[in-house]
Amino acid sequence: MPLHNIDTSQLMVVEALGGTREVRARLTDLGFTPGTPIAILSRSHESVIVKVRGSRIMLNNSLACNIKVK
C-alpha cells in the first residue's frame, strides 16, 4: 500500500520503493529503506510528515506514493 494512503498515527514498515532510479536514491538517502519502521505524524492535502530513523521528514504526496508500506 502506498504511504500517502495510510492514516495518521499508524506505525508501518517500508516494504519497497518505486519510481525512477533518482527517486529511489533520494528516498534511500532520506532513510527510507525496506524493513525500516515509519510513522505518519500528520498530513495535509499536499504532503505528509513521517518519522523515520528518529527524524521528521515532510514529503509531498507525489514522492510519498513511491514508498510502499505494510
Protein backbone atom coordinates (compact mmCIF):
# COMPACT_ATOMS: atom_id res chain seq x y z
CA MET A 1 0.00 0.00 0.00
CA PRO A 2 1.43 3.45 -0.87
CA LEU A 3 2.46 5.62 2.06
CA HIS A 4 0.18 8.51 1.08
CA ASN A 5 -2.88 6.27 1.69
CA ILE A 6 -2.03 5.47 5.34
CA ASP A 7 -3.85 7.14 8.25
CA THR A 8 -2.09 9.33 10.80
CA SER A 9 -0.64 7.60 13.91
CA GLN A 10 -0.15 4.24 12.23
CA LEU A 11 3.21 2.51 12.58
CA MET A 12 4.20 0.83 9.31
CA VAL A 13 7.27 -0.81 7.77
CA VAL A 14 8.76 0.16 4.41
CA GLU A 15 8.21 -2.73 2.02
CA ALA A 16 9.61 -1.37 -1.26
CA LEU A 17 10.49 1.83 -3.10
CA GLY A 18 9.17 2.75 -6.52
CA GLY A 19 9.79 5.50 -9.02
CA THR A 20 12.81 6.32 -11.10
CA ARG A 21 16.34 5.44 -10.05
CA GLU A 22 16.84 9.04 -8.91
CA VAL A 23 13.67 8.98 -6.78
CA ARG A 24 14.65 5.66 -5.16
CA ALA A 25 18.15 7.00 -4.46
CA ARG A 26 16.74 10.17 -2.86
CA LEU A 27 14.33 8.20 -0.66
CA THR A 28 17.14 5.88 0.39
CA ASP A 29 19.31 8.89 1.26
CA LEU A 30 16.46 10.16 3.48
CA GLY A 31 16.41 6.81 5.36
CA PHE A 32 13.54 5.02 3.64
CA THR A 33 14.88 1.50 3.13
CA PRO A 34 12.97 -1.79 3.10
CA GLY A 35 12.38 -3.08 6.61
CA THR A 36 12.57 0.37 8.24
CA PRO A 37 9.69 1.27 10.59
CA ILE A 38 7.99 4.61 9.92
CA ALA A 39 5.09 6.51 11.48
CA ILE A 40 2.75 9.06 9.91
CA LEU A 41 2.79 12.15 12.16
CA SER A 42 0.49 14.43 10.15
CA ARG A 43 -0.85 15.01 6.70
CA SER A 44 -2.37 17.70 4.53
CA HIS A 45 -3.87 17.68 1.05
CA GLU A 46 -0.42 18.13 -0.50
CA SER A 47 2.06 16.49 1.88
CA VAL A 48 2.72 14.05 4.68
CA ILE A 49 5.10 14.28 7.66
CA VAL A 50 6.64 10.98 8.70
CA LYS A 51 9.03 9.88 11.41
CA VAL A 52 11.81 7.67 10.10
CA ARG A 53 15.01 6.70 11.92
CA GLY A 54 14.38 9.35 14.59
CA SER A 55 13.91 12.21 12.10
CA ARG A 56 10.78 14.00 10.95
CA ILE A 57 10.57 14.37 7.20
CA MET A 58 7.96 16.12 5.07
CA LEU A 59 7.24 14.57 1.68
CA ASN A 60 4.87 15.81 -0.98
CA ASN A 61 2.22 13.27 -1.97
CA SER A 62 3.80 12.57 -5.36
CA LEU A 63 7.03 11.48 -3.64
CA ALA A 64 5.24 9.64 -0.82
CA CYS A 65 3.33 7.49 -3.32
CA ASN A 66 6.67 5.87 -4.26
CA ILE A 67 7.03 4.36 -0.77
CA LYS A 68 5.17 1.06 -0.37
CA VAL A 69 4.46 0.03 3.23
CA LYS A 70 2.94 -2.93 5.05
